[in-house]
C-alpha atoms as a PDB file:
ATOM      1  CA  UNK A   1       0.363 -44.226   8.428  1.00  0.00           C
ATOM      2  CA  UNK A   2      -2.596 -47.178   8.255  1.00  0.00           C
ATOM      3  CA  UNK A   3      -5.062 -44.400   7.351  1.00  0.00           C
ATOM      4  CA  UNK A   4      -8.222 -47.224   7.625  1.00  0.00           C
ATOM      5  CA  UNK A   5      -7.056 -48.559  10.847  1.00  0.00           C
ATOM      6  CA  UNK A   6      -6.326 -44.864  12.257  1.00  0.00           C
ATOM      7  CA  UNK A   7      -9.677 -43.650  11.085  1.00  0.00           C
ATOM      8  CA  UNK A   8     -11.717 -46.099  12.517  1.00  0.00           C
ATOM      9  CA  UNK A   9      -9.589 -46.463  15.781  1.00  0.00           C
ATOM     10  CA  UNK A  10     -10.024 -42.830  15.872  1.00  0.00           C
ATOM     11  CA  UNK A  11     -13.652 -42.492  15.637  1.00  0.00           C
ATOM     12  CA  UNK A  12     -13.946 -45.234  18.500  1.00  0.00           C
ATOM     13  CA  UNK A  13     -11.630 -43.187  20.604  1.00  0.00           C
ATOM     14  CA  UNK A  14     -13.737 -40.087  20.064  1.00  0.00           C
ATOM     15  CA  UNK A  15     -17.100 -41.812  21.132  1.00  0.00           C
ATOM     16  CA  UNK A  16     -15.353 -43.023  24.334  1.00  0.00           C
ATOM     17  CA  UNK A  17     -14.146 -39.343  25.051  1.00  0.00           C
ATOM     18  CA  UNK A  18     -17.533 -37.794  24.832  1.00  0.00           C
ATOM     19  CA  UNK A  19     -18.559 -40.766  27.170  1.00  0.00           C
ATOM     20  CA  UNK A  20     -16.156 -39.071  29.336  1.00  0.00           C
ATOM     21  CA  UNK A  21     -16.610 -35.651  28.902  1.00  0.00           C
ATOM     22  CA  UNK A  22     -20.490 -37.007  29.906  1.00  0.00           C
ATOM     23  CA  UNK A  23     -20.086 -39.013  32.544  1.00  0.00           C
ATOM     24  CA  UNK A  24     -18.470 -35.976  34.520  1.00  0.00           C
ATOM     25  CA  UNK A  25     -21.515 -35.007  35.894  1.00  0.00           C
ATOM     26  CA  UNK A  26     -22.809 -38.421  37.456  1.00  0.00           C
ATOM     27  CA  UNK A  27     -21.952 -40.868  39.669  1.00  0.00           C
ATOM     28  CA  UNK A  28     -21.543 -43.829  37.733  1.00  0.00           C
ATOM     29  CA  UNK A  29     -17.925 -44.464  35.962  1.00  0.00           C
ATOM     30  CA  UNK A  30     -17.537 -46.546  33.109  1.00  0.00           C
ATOM     31  CA  UNK A  31     -14.899 -48.876  32.874  1.00  0.00           C
ATOM     32  CA  UNK A  32     -12.654 -46.920  30.898  1.00  0.00           C
ATOM     33  CA  UNK A  33     -12.406 -44.646  33.589  1.00  0.00           C
ATOM     34  CA  UNK A  34     -11.122 -47.117  36.498  1.00  0.00           C
ATOM     35  CA  UNK A  35      -7.869 -48.028  36.639  1.00  0.00           C
ATOM     36  CA  UNK A  36      -6.846 -47.508  39.974  1.00  0.00           C
ATOM     37  CA  UNK A  37      -6.342 -51.054  41.724  1.00  0.00           C
ATOM     38  CA  UNK A  38      -6.084 -52.221  44.949  1.00  0.00           C
ATOM     39  CA  UNK A  39      -6.899 -55.576  46.667  1.00  0.00           C
ATOM     40  CA  UNK A  40      -9.820 -56.296  48.709  1.00  0.00           C
ATOM     41  CA  UNK A  41      -7.596 -57.076  51.892  1.00  0.00           C
ATOM     42  CA  UNK A  42      -6.222 -53.155  51.494  1.00  0.00           C
ATOM     43  CA  UNK A  43      -8.388 -50.883  54.168  1.00  0.00           C
ATOM     44  CA  UNK A  44      -6.699 -47.135  52.502  1.00  0.00           C
ATOM     45  CA  UNK A  45      -8.147 -45.753  49.327  1.00  0.00           C
ATOM     46  CA  UNK A  46      -5.722 -42.368  47.865  1.00  0.00           C
ATOM     47  CA  UNK A  47      -7.027 -39.791  45.892  1.00  0.00           C
ATOM     48  CA  UNK A  48      -5.525 -37.236  44.640  1.00  0.00           C
ATOM     49  CA  UNK A  49      -7.401 -34.420  43.363  1.00  0.00           C
ATOM     50  CA  UNK A  50      -7.557 -30.469  41.904  1.00  0.00           C
ATOM     51  CA  UNK A  51     -10.063 -27.839  42.876  1.00  0.00           C
ATOM     52  CA  UNK A  52     -11.237 -24.689  41.612  1.00  0.00           C
ATOM     53  CA  UNK A  53     -13.794 -21.855  41.964  1.00  0.00           C
ATOM     54  CA  UNK A  54     -16.880 -20.701  39.831  1.00  0.00           C
ATOM     55  CA  UNK A  55     -14.074 -18.764  37.473  1.00  0.00           C
ATOM     56  CA  UNK A  56     -11.403 -21.797  37.526  1.00  0.00           C
ATOM     57  CA  UNK A  57      -9.114 -20.271  39.294  1.00  0.00           C
ATOM     58  CA  UNK A  58      -7.288 -23.001  41.994  1.00  0.00           C
ATOM     59  CA  UNK A  59      -8.403 -23.066  44.905  1.00  0.00           C
ATOM     60  CA  UNK A  60      -5.736 -24.077  47.298  1.00  0.00           C
ATOM     61  CA  UNK A  61      -7.403 -23.296  51.011  1.00  0.00           C
ATOM     62  CA  UNK A  62      -9.051 -25.759  50.913  1.00  0.00           C
ATOM     63  CA  UNK A  63     -10.664 -27.798  54.208  1.00  0.00           C
ATOM     64  CA  UNK A  64     -11.224 -31.726  54.552  1.00  0.00           C
ATOM     65  CA  UNK A  65     -15.000 -30.641  55.633  1.00  0.00           C
ATOM     66  CA  UNK A  66     -15.440 -28.601  52.212  1.00  0.00           C
ATOM     67  CA  UNK A  67     -15.777 -31.764  50.679  1.00  0.00           C
ATOM     68  CA  UNK A  68     -17.239 -35.393  50.953  1.00  0.00           C
ATOM     69  CA  UNK A  69     -16.543 -38.565  48.299  1.00  0.00           C
ATOM     70  CA  UNK A  70     -18.793 -40.377  46.823  1.00  0.00           C
ATOM     71  CA  UNK A  71     -17.100 -44.155  46.553  1.00  0.00           C
ATOM     72  CA  UNK A  72     -19.753 -46.435  44.942  1.00  0.00           C
ATOM     73  CA  UNK A  73     -22.592 -44.596  46.889  1.00  0.00           C
ATOM     74  CA  UNK A  74     -21.018 -44.369  49.911  1.00  0.00           C
ATOM     75  CA  UNK A  75     -20.845 -41.113  51.209  1.00  0.00           C
ATOM     76  CA  UNK A  76     -17.052 -40.739  52.987  1.00  0.00           C
ATOM     77  CA  UNK A  77     -17.238 -37.215  55.147  1.00  0.00           C
ATOM     78  CA  UNK A  78     -14.311 -38.061  57.635  1.00  0.00           C
ATOM     79  CA  UNK A  79     -10.558 -38.674  56.001  1.00  0.00           C
ATOM     80  CA  UNK A  80      -7.665 -40.889  57.214  1.00  0.00           C
ATOM     81  CA  UNK A  81      -5.160 -37.771  55.733  1.00  0.00           C
ATOM     82  CA  UNK A  82      -5.782 -34.423  54.269  1.00  0.00           C
ATOM     83  CA  UNK A  83      -2.813 -32.599  52.863  1.00  0.00           C
ATOM     84  CA  UNK A  84      -1.572 -30.233  50.529  1.00  0.00           C
ATOM     85  CA  UNK A  85       0.239 -32.450  46.910  1.00  0.00           C
ATOM     86  CA  UNK A  86       3.029 -29.736  47.473  1.00  0.00           C
ATOM     87  CA  UNK A  87       4.175 -32.344  50.589  1.00  0.00           C
ATOM     88  CA  UNK A  88       4.234 -35.066  47.957  1.00  0.00           C
ATOM     89  CA  UNK A  89       7.595 -35.198  45.916  1.00  0.00           C
ATOM     90  CA  UNK A  90       7.043 -35.189  42.176  1.00  0.00           C
ATOM     91  CA  UNK A  91       7.956 -38.187  39.663  1.00  0.00           C
ATOM     92  CA  UNK A  92       7.861 -36.752  36.116  1.00  0.00           C
ATOM     93  CA  UNK A  93       7.925 -38.520  33.021  1.00  0.00           C
ATOM     94  CA  UNK A  94       8.136 -36.079  30.060  1.00  0.00           C
ATOM     95  CA  UNK A  95       6.663 -37.761  26.254  1.00  0.00           C
ATOM     96  CA  UNK A  96       8.230 -36.259  23.397  1.00  0.00           C
ATOM     97  CA  UNK A  97       6.934 -36.919  20.269  1.00  0.00           C
ATOM     98  CA  UNK A  98       9.322 -37.725  17.538  1.00  0.00           C
ATOM     99  CA  UNK A  99       7.568 -38.834  14.659  1.00  0.00           C
ATOM    100  CA  UNK A 100       7.370 -37.324  10.932  1.00  0.00           C
ATOM    101  CA  UNK A 101       3.872 -35.432  11.620  1.00  0.00           C
ATOM    102  CA  UNK A 102       5.587 -33.209  14.061  1.00  0.00           C
ATOM    103  CA  UNK A 103       8.490 -32.577  12.712  1.00  0.00           C
ATOM    104  CA  UNK A 104       8.325 -28.761  12.648  1.00  0.00           C
ATOM    105  CA  UNK A 105       7.553 -28.602  16.025  1.00  0.00           C
ATOM    106  CA  UNK A 106      10.247 -30.922  18.107  1.00  0.00           C
ATOM    107  CA  UNK A 107      13.116 -28.769  17.838  1.00  0.00           C
ATOM    108  CA  UNK A 108      11.413 -25.437  19.519  1.00  0.00           C
ATOM    109  CA  UNK A 109       9.817 -28.025  22.083  1.00  0.00           C
ATOM    110  CA  UNK A 110      13.072 -29.594  22.922  1.00  0.00           C
ATOM    111  CA  UNK A 111      15.216 -26.329  22.649  1.00  0.00           C
ATOM    112  CA  UNK A 112      12.005 -24.943  25.749  1.00  0.00           C
ATOM    113  CA  UNK A 113      12.663 -28.611  27.957  1.00  0.00           C
ATOM    114  CA  UNK A 114      16.742 -28.056  27.729  1.00  0.00           C
ATOM    115  CA  UNK A 115      16.010 -24.386  29.455  1.00  0.00           C
ATOM    116  CA  UNK A 116      13.462 -25.319  31.809  1.00  0.00           C
ATOM    117  CA  UNK A 117      15.917 -27.785  33.009  1.00  0.00           C
ATOM    118  CA  UNK A 118      19.179 -25.167  33.043  1.00  0.00           C
ATOM    119  CA  UNK A 119      16.756 -22.777  35.104  1.00  0.00           C
ATOM    120  CA  UNK A 120      16.376 -25.719  37.504  1.00  0.00           C
ATOM    121  CA  UNK A 121      12.102 -25.062  37.986  1.00  0.00           C
ATOM    122  CA  UNK A 122      11.939 -28.513  38.633  1.00  0.00           C
ATOM    123  CA  UNK A 123      13.176 -28.054  42.114  1.00  0.00           C
ATOM    124  CA  UNK A 124      15.879 -31.512  44.296  1.00  0.00           C
ATOM    125  CA  UNK A 125      12.173 -33.111  45.422  1.00  0.00           C
ATOM    126  CA  UNK A 126      11.214 -33.801  41.597  1.00  0.00           C
ATOM    127  CA  UNK A 127      12.310 -36.128  39.699  1.00  0.00           C
ATOM    128  CA  UNK A 128      12.350 -36.234  35.576  1.00  0.00           C
ATOM    129  CA  UNK A 129      12.025 -39.067  32.740  1.00  0.00           C
ATOM    130  CA  UNK A 130      12.021 -38.050  29.037  1.00  0.00           C
ATOM    131  CA  UNK A 131      10.868 -41.239  26.939  1.00  0.00           C
ATOM    132  CA  UNK A 132      10.984 -39.667  23.156  1.00  0.00           C
ATOM    133  CA  UNK A 133       8.642 -42.054  20.278  1.00  0.00           C
ATOM    134  CA  UNK A 134       9.383 -41.901  16.602  1.00  0.00           C
ATOM    135  CA  UNK A 135       9.682 -45.627  14.568  1.00  0.00           C
ATOM    136  CA  UNK A 136       8.439 -48.677  15.698  1.00  0.00           C
ATOM    137  CA  UNK A 137       9.620 -48.025  19.225  1.00  0.00           C
ATOM    138  CA  UNK A 138       9.620 -45.827  22.075  1.00  0.00           C
ATOM    139  CA  UNK A 139      12.972 -44.789  23.467  1.00  0.00           C
ATOM    140  CA  UNK A 140      13.902 -43.963  27.814  1.00  0.00           C
ATOM    141  CA  UNK A 141      16.762 -40.680  27.172  1.00  0.00           C
ATOM    142  CA  UNK A 142      16.717 -40.634  30.999  1.00  0.00           C
ATOM    143  CA  UNK A 143      15.432 -41.904  33.308  1.00  0.00           C
ATOM    144  CA  UNK A 144      14.916 -39.566  36.701  1.00  0.00           C
ATOM    145  CA  UNK A 145      18.294 -38.101  35.892  1.00  0.00           C
ATOM    146  CA  UNK A 146      17.595 -35.652  33.143  1.00  0.00           C
ATOM    147  CA  UNK A 147      20.186 -33.430  33.853  1.00  0.00           C
ATOM    148  CA  UNK A 148      23.244 -35.241  32.711  1.00  0.00           C
ATOM    149  CA  UNK A 149      25.700 -34.517  29.747  1.00  0.00           C
ATOM    150  CA  UNK A 150      24.190 -38.161  28.620  1.00  0.00           C
ATOM    151  CA  UNK A 151      20.872 -36.936  28.527  1.00  0.00           C
ATOM    152  CA  UNK A 152      21.423 -33.558  26.882  1.00  0.00           C
ATOM    153  CA  UNK A 153      23.244 -35.272  24.229  1.00  0.00           C
ATOM    154  CA  UNK A 154      20.307 -37.252  23.474  1.00  0.00           C
ATOM    155  CA  UNK A 155      18.106 -34.535  23.542  1.00  0.00           C
ATOM    156  CA  UNK A 156      20.642 -32.599  21.322  1.00  0.00           C
ATOM    157  CA  UNK A 157      20.607 -35.488  18.211  1.00  0.00           C
ATOM    158  CA  UNK A 158      17.178 -36.434  18.245  1.00  0.00           C
ATOM    159  CA  UNK A 159      15.303 -35.806  15.083  1.00  0.00           C
ATOM    160  CA  UNK A 160      11.892 -36.344  14.375  1.00  0.00           C
ATOM    161  CA  UNK A 161      11.130 -39.369  11.554  1.00  0.00           C
ATOM    162  CA  UNK A 162       8.691 -42.280  11.481  1.00  0.00           C
ATOM    163  CA  UNK A 163       5.611 -43.727  12.532  1.00  0.00           C
ATOM    164  CA  UNK A 164       4.116 -42.641  16.313  1.00  0.00           C
ATOM    165  CA  UNK A 165       3.866 -45.354  18.906  1.00  0.00           C
ATOM    166  CA  UNK A 166       1.986 -42.942  21.159  1.00  0.00           C
ATOM    167  CA  UNK A 167       0.370 -45.530  23.295  1.00  0.00           C
ATOM    168  CA  UNK A 168       3.061 -47.588  23.410  1.00  0.00           C
ATOM    169  CA  UNK A 169       5.156 -44.577  24.437  1.00  0.00           C
ATOM    170  CA  UNK A 170       2.633 -43.759  27.257  1.00  0.00           C
ATOM    171  CA  UNK A 171       2.479 -47.825  28.640  1.00  0.00           C
ATOM    172  CA  UNK A 172       6.354 -47.756  28.862  1.00  0.00           C
ATOM    173  CA  UNK A 173       5.958 -44.120  30.879  1.00  0.00           C
ATOM    174  CA  UNK A 174       4.003 -46.020  33.706  1.00  0.00           C
ATOM    175  CA  UNK A 175       6.320 -49.053  33.484  1.00  0.00           C
ATOM    176  CA  UNK A 176       8.647 -46.279  34.156  1.00  0.00           C
ATOM    177  CA  UNK A 177       6.702 -44.971  36.850  1.00  0.00           C
ATOM    178  CA  UNK A 178       6.403 -48.057  38.695  1.00  0.00           C
ATOM    179  CA  UNK A 179       9.918 -49.336  39.102  1.00  0.00           C
ATOM    180  CA  UNK A 180      11.212 -47.931  42.471  1.00  0.00           C
ATOM    181  CA  UNK A 181       8.839 -45.471  43.139  1.00  0.00           C
ATOM    182  CA  UNK A 182       8.823 -43.633  46.124  1.00  0.00           C
ATOM    183  CA  UNK A 183       5.287 -44.575  47.757  1.00  0.00           C
ATOM    184  CA  UNK A 184       3.951 -41.153  48.645  1.00  0.00           C
ATOM    185  CA  UNK A 185       5.491 -39.613  45.417  1.00  0.00           C
ATOM    186  CA  UNK A 186       2.916 -37.740  43.039  1.00  0.00           C
ATOM    187  CA  UNK A 187       3.612 -39.366  39.368  1.00  0.00           C
ATOM    188  CA  UNK A 188       2.515 -37.649  36.366  1.00  0.00           C
ATOM    189  CA  UNK A 189       2.773 -37.750  32.285  1.00  0.00           C
ATOM    190  CA  UNK A 190       3.434 -34.519  30.396  1.00  0.00           C
ATOM    191  CA  UNK A 191       2.518 -35.472  26.530  1.00  0.00           C
ATOM    192  CA  UNK A 192       3.820 -33.287  23.949  1.00  0.00           C
ATOM    193  CA  UNK A 193       2.084 -35.037  20.608  1.00  0.00           C
ATOM    194  CA  UNK A 194       0.134 -34.291  18.025  1.00  0.00           C
ATOM    195  CA  UNK A 195      -2.791 -37.423  19.340  1.00  0.00           C
ATOM    196  CA  UNK A 196      -2.452 -39.928  15.749  1.00  0.00           C
ATOM    197  CA  UNK A 197      -0.938 -43.285  17.112  1.00  0.00           C
ATOM    198  CA  UNK A 198      -0.550 -45.095  13.998  1.00  0.00           C
ATOM    199  CA  UNK A 199       1.572 -48.211  14.798  1.00  0.00           C
ATOM    200  CA  UNK A 200       1.409 -49.180  18.923  1.00  0.00           C
ATOM    201  CA  UNK A 201       0.625 -52.477  19.885  1.00  0.00           C
ATOM    202  CA  UNK A 202      -1.522 -51.446  23.152  1.00  0.00           C
ATOM    203  CA  UNK A 203      -4.477 -49.360  22.154  1.00  0.00           C
ATOM    204  CA  UNK A 204      -5.854 -45.899  24.242  1.00  0.00           C
ATOM    205  CA  UNK A 205      -7.571 -47.841  26.913  1.00  0.00           C
ATOM    206  CA  UNK A 206      -4.409 -49.603  28.017  1.00  0.00           C
ATOM    207  CA  UNK A 207      -2.922 -46.703  28.063  1.00  0.00           C
ATOM    208  CA  UNK A 208      -5.159 -44.439  29.941  1.00  0.00           C
ATOM    209  CA  UNK A 209      -5.958 -47.820  32.245  1.00  0.00           C
ATOM    210  CA  UNK A 210      -1.922 -47.890  32.613  1.00  0.00           C
ATOM    211  CA  UNK A 211      -1.700 -44.700  33.871  1.00  0.00           C
ATOM    212  CA  UNK A 212      -4.538 -44.630  36.128  1.00  0.00           C
ATOM    213  CA  UNK A 213      -3.343 -47.617  37.708  1.00  0.00           C
ATOM    214  CA  UNK A 214      -0.187 -45.537  39.204  1.00  0.00           C
ATOM    215  CA  UNK A 215      -2.757 -42.601  39.513  1.00  0.00           C
ATOM    216  CA  UNK A 216      -0.975 -40.165  37.211  1.00  0.00           C
ATOM    217  CA  UNK A 217      -2.497 -37.478  35.733  1.00  0.00           C
ATOM    218  CA  UNK A 218      -1.666 -37.265  31.711  1.00  0.00           C
ATOM    219  CA  UNK A 219      -1.014 -33.716  30.769  1.00  0.00           C
ATOM    220  CA  UNK A 220      -1.610 -33.085  26.820  1.00  0.00           C
ATOM    221  CA  UNK A 221       0.165 -30.755  25.103  1.00  0.00           C
ATOM    222  CA  UNK A 222      -0.789 -30.365  21.331  1.00  0.00           C
ATOM    223  CA  UNK A 223       2.242 -30.710  18.898  1.00  0.00           C
ATOM    224  CA  UNK A 224      -0.097 -30.409  15.694  1.00  0.00           C
ATOM    225  CA  UNK A 225       1.102 -28.068  13.131  1.00  0.00           C
ATOM    226  CA  UNK A 226      -0.593 -24.929  13.284  1.00  0.00           C
ATOM    227  CA  UNK A 227      -1.056 -25.340   9.423  1.00  0.00           C
ATOM    228  CA  UNK A 228      -3.104 -28.537  10.314  1.00  0.00           C
ATOM    229  CA  UNK A 229      -6.637 -28.839  10.683  1.00  0.00           C
ATOM    230  CA  UNK A 230      -7.872 -29.753  13.930  1.00  0.00           C
ATOM    231  CA  UNK A 231      -8.665 -33.777  13.648  1.00  0.00           C
ATOM    232  CA  UNK A 232      -9.438 -36.934  15.755  1.00  0.00           C
ATOM    233  CA  UNK A 233      -5.669 -36.255  17.161  1.00  0.00           C
ATOM    234  CA  UNK A 234      -7.343 -33.371  19.618  1.00  0.00           C
ATOM    235  CA  UNK A 235      -9.895 -35.910  20.406  1.00  0.00           C
ATOM    236  CA  UNK A 236      -7.648 -38.214  22.181  1.00  0.00           C
ATOM    237  CA  UNK A 237      -5.486 -35.988  23.819  1.00  0.00           C
ATOM    238  CA  UNK A 238      -8.570 -34.361  25.323  1.00  0.00           C
ATOM    239  CA  UNK A 239      -9.570 -38.054  26.446  1.00  0.00           C
ATOM    240  CA  UNK A 240      -5.956 -39.311  27.712  1.00  0.00           C
ATOM    241  CA  UNK A 241      -6.450 -35.922  29.855  1.00  0.00           C
ATOM    242  CA  UNK A 242      -9.906 -36.256  31.229  1.00  0.00           C
ATOM    243  CA  UNK A 243      -9.508 -39.825  31.612  1.00  0.00           C
ATOM    244  CA  UNK A 244      -6.803 -39.513  34.043  1.00  0.00           C
ATOM    245  CA  UNK A 245      -7.246 -36.212  36.037  1.00  0.00           C
ATOM    246  CA  UNK A 246      -4.985 -33.962  33.926  1.00  0.00           C
ATOM    247  CA  UNK A 247      -5.403 -31.372  31.732  1.00  0.00           C
ATOM    248  CA  UNK A 248      -5.154 -30.185  27.688  1.00  0.00           C
ATOM    249  CA  UNK A 249      -3.140 -27.860  26.508  1.00  0.00           C
ATOM    250  CA  UNK A 250      -3.915 -25.767  23.380  1.00  0.00           C
ATOM    251  CA  UNK A 251      -2.614 -25.822  20.297  1.00  0.00           C
ATOM    252  CA  UNK A 252       0.448 -22.990  20.514  1.00  0.00           C
ATOM    253  CA  UNK A 253       1.037 -22.307  24.187  1.00  0.00           C
ATOM    254  CA  UNK A 254       4.499 -21.602  25.298  1.00  0.00           C
ATOM    255  CA  UNK A 255       5.822 -24.925  26.460  1.00  0.00           C
ATOM    256  CA  UNK A 256       7.675 -23.091  29.542  1.00  0.00           C
ATOM    257  CA  UNK A 257       4.793 -21.848  30.332  1.00  0.00           C
ATOM    258  CA  UNK A 258       2.892 -24.630  29.870  1.00  0.00           C
ATOM    259  CA  UNK A 259       5.841 -26.423  32.199  1.00  0.00           C
ATOM    260  CA  UNK A 260       4.940 -23.917  34.930  1.00  0.00           C
ATOM    261  CA  UNK A 261       1.185 -24.125  34.873  1.00  0.00           C
ATOM    262  CA  UNK A 262       2.086 -28.177  35.184  1.00  0.00           C
ATOM    263  CA  UNK A 263       4.221 -28.192  37.830  1.00  0.00           C
ATOM    264  CA  UNK A 264       1.899 -25.390  39.741  1.00  0.00           C
ATOM    265  CA  UNK A 265      -1.613 -27.848  39.366  1.00  0.00           C
ATOM    266  CA  UNK A 266       0.307 -30.688  40.532  1.00  0.00           C
ATOM    267  CA  UNK A 267       1.784 -28.998  43.363  1.00  0.00           C
ATOM    268  CA  UNK A 268      -1.365 -26.477  44.663  1.00  0.00           C
ATOM    269  CA  UNK A 269      -3.624 -29.575  44.683  1.00  0.00           C
ATOM    270  CA  UNK A 270      -4.594 -32.559  47.390  1.00  0.00           C
ATOM    271  CA  UNK A 271      -4.341 -36.158  48.736  1.00  0.00           C
ATOM    272  CA  UNK A 272      -6.648 -37.685  51.227  1.00  0.00           C
ATOM    273  CA  UNK A 273      -7.253 -41.117  52.275  1.00  0.00           C
ATOM    274  CA  UNK A 274      -9.825 -42.525  53.521  1.00  0.00           C
ATOM    275  CA  UNK A 275     -11.310 -46.129  54.665  1.00  0.00           C
ATOM    276  CA  UNK A 276     -12.415 -48.726  51.738  1.00  0.00           C
ATOM    277  CA  UNK A 277     -16.407 -48.531  52.248  1.00  0.00           C
ATOM    278  CA  UNK A 278     -17.123 -51.884  50.715  1.00  0.00           C
ATOM    279  CA  UNK A 279     -14.817 -54.769  50.128  1.00  0.00           C
ATOM    280  CA  UNK A 280     -16.972 -55.674  47.314  1.00  0.00           C
ATOM    281  CA  UNK A 281     -14.733 -56.623  44.338  1.00  0.00           C
ATOM    282  CA  UNK A 282     -14.753 -54.830  40.807  1.00  0.00           C
ATOM    283  CA  UNK A 283     -15.362 -51.228  39.993  1.00  0.00           C
ATOM    284  CA  UNK A 284     -15.526 -48.459  42.219  1.00  0.00           C
ATOM    285  CA  UNK A 285     -17.341 -45.212  40.824  1.00  0.00           C
ATOM    286  CA  UNK A 286     -15.509 -42.447  41.944  1.00  0.00           C
ATOM    287  CA  UNK A 287     -16.952 -38.325  42.517  1.00  0.00           C
ATOM    288  CA  UNK A 288     -15.828 -35.368  44.843  1.00  0.00           C
ATOM    289  CA  UNK A 289     -18.483 -33.235  46.040  1.00  0.00           C
ATOM    290  CA  UNK A 290     -18.446 -29.755  47.486  1.00  0.00           C
ATOM    291  CA  UNK A 291     -20.133 -29.544  51.208  1.00  0.00           C
ATOM    292  CA  UNK A 292     -19.539 -25.523  51.573  1.00  0.00           C
ATOM    293  CA  UNK A 293     -19.781 -24.088  48.289  1.00  0.00           C
ATOM    294  CA  UNK A 294     -21.886 -25.631  45.923  1.00  0.00           C
ATOM    295  CA  UNK A 295     -19.671 -23.466  42.957  1.00  0.00           C
ATOM    296  CA  UNK A 296     -16.724 -25.414  43.523  1.00  0.00           C
ATOM    297  CA  UNK A 297     -15.200 -27.880  40.502  1.00  0.00           C
ATOM    298  CA  UNK A 298     -12.976 -30.948  41.259  1.00  0.00           C
ATOM    299  CA  UNK A 299     -10.510 -32.796  39.220  1.00  0.00           C
ATOM    300  CA  UNK A 300      -9.343 -36.662  39.661  1.00  0.00           C
ATOM    301  CA  UNK A 301      -9.731 -39.871  37.886  1.00  0.00           C
ATOM    302  CA  UNK A 302     -13.291 -41.069  38.211  1.00  0.00           C
ATOM    303  CA  UNK A 303     -12.794 -44.886  39.354  1.00  0.00           C
ATOM    304  CA  UNK A 304     -10.635 -47.496  40.797  1.00  0.00           C
ATOM    305  CA  UNK A 305     -11.317 -50.881  40.823  1.00  0.00           C
ATOM    306  CA  UNK A 306     -10.812 -53.562  43.724  1.00  0.00           C
ATOM    307  CA  UNK A 307      -9.098 -57.170  43.122  1.00  0.00           C
ATOM    308  CA  UNK A 308     -10.109 -60.234  44.892  1.00  0.00           C
ATOM    309  CA  UNK A 309      -7.363 -60.869  48.046  1.00  0.00           C
ATOM    310  CA  UNK A 310      -5.145 -63.219  47.204  1.00  0.00           C
ATOM    311  CA  UNK A 311      -5.940 -66.573  48.078  1.00  0.00           C
ATOM    312  CA  UNK A 312      -3.677 -68.381  51.448  1.00  0.00           C
ATOM    313  CA  UNK A 313      -1.679 -71.400  50.861  1.00  0.00           C
ATOM    314  CA  UNK A 314      -3.861 -74.427  53.276  1.00  0.00           C
ATOM    315  CA  UNK A 315      -1.207 -75.805  55.777  1.00  0.00           C
END
């Protein structure tokens, strides 16, 4: 690993993560949090989110009248649609850190993922892709069809070695999710890694914004060795999850249990749409506020970007 370069990057990322955490109570969203992009000619904004009570339990009885959305200072109370996220098919990418730094963890992760597939826990409406990253470039093991023998063989022969192109892998996952995407699907990434990138051409900001552009939450599972002390990789995983509306799971959690919790979280959330309140180009901050119960908490991306409408060719 390039330790000096990594230390500088990790220090910068830790500062960014702290800014994300502090801004969660503010109406202002930093530019690193606003990646969802729409055209100024569009009229509809789509927002996926999760709601929890004061104890942190998921709320699955929410009504549209229970919340308001603040979009760049405009308060939205009337929505074009409001529905449970369980009505949307899932489009998931599992990212496996196959670098040398997590060599001791990957065999157990692969075994649990294969067992989860064998138990048919995904469901027919869920599409799953797998990307492994170790060495110089990430490797797409399977795309939206990972139950076949070819995909299983690739998992069986996967060995951990080399550097960690973490951010490049997340960027590639976004490209996979963009390709042949069903408009009503809910994309997400499930990342198994220690968070320590060492060789990517992209940055953490690039990776987070690529996920935000697709409204794809990142669920980060810490693969750091139990013998290793907590470090900057933990902060990176926190940042990726917090900036995309996902979750970070603690070190040592059972992989099968984590996968079940991710599916549960995605299926018990909500998806709403509303009219774009202003055609102003640039960054729009987002916040969801409770109307009926002030103790409710919400988790979603914190903004999006409005691009200029394409110019029409004059006759």
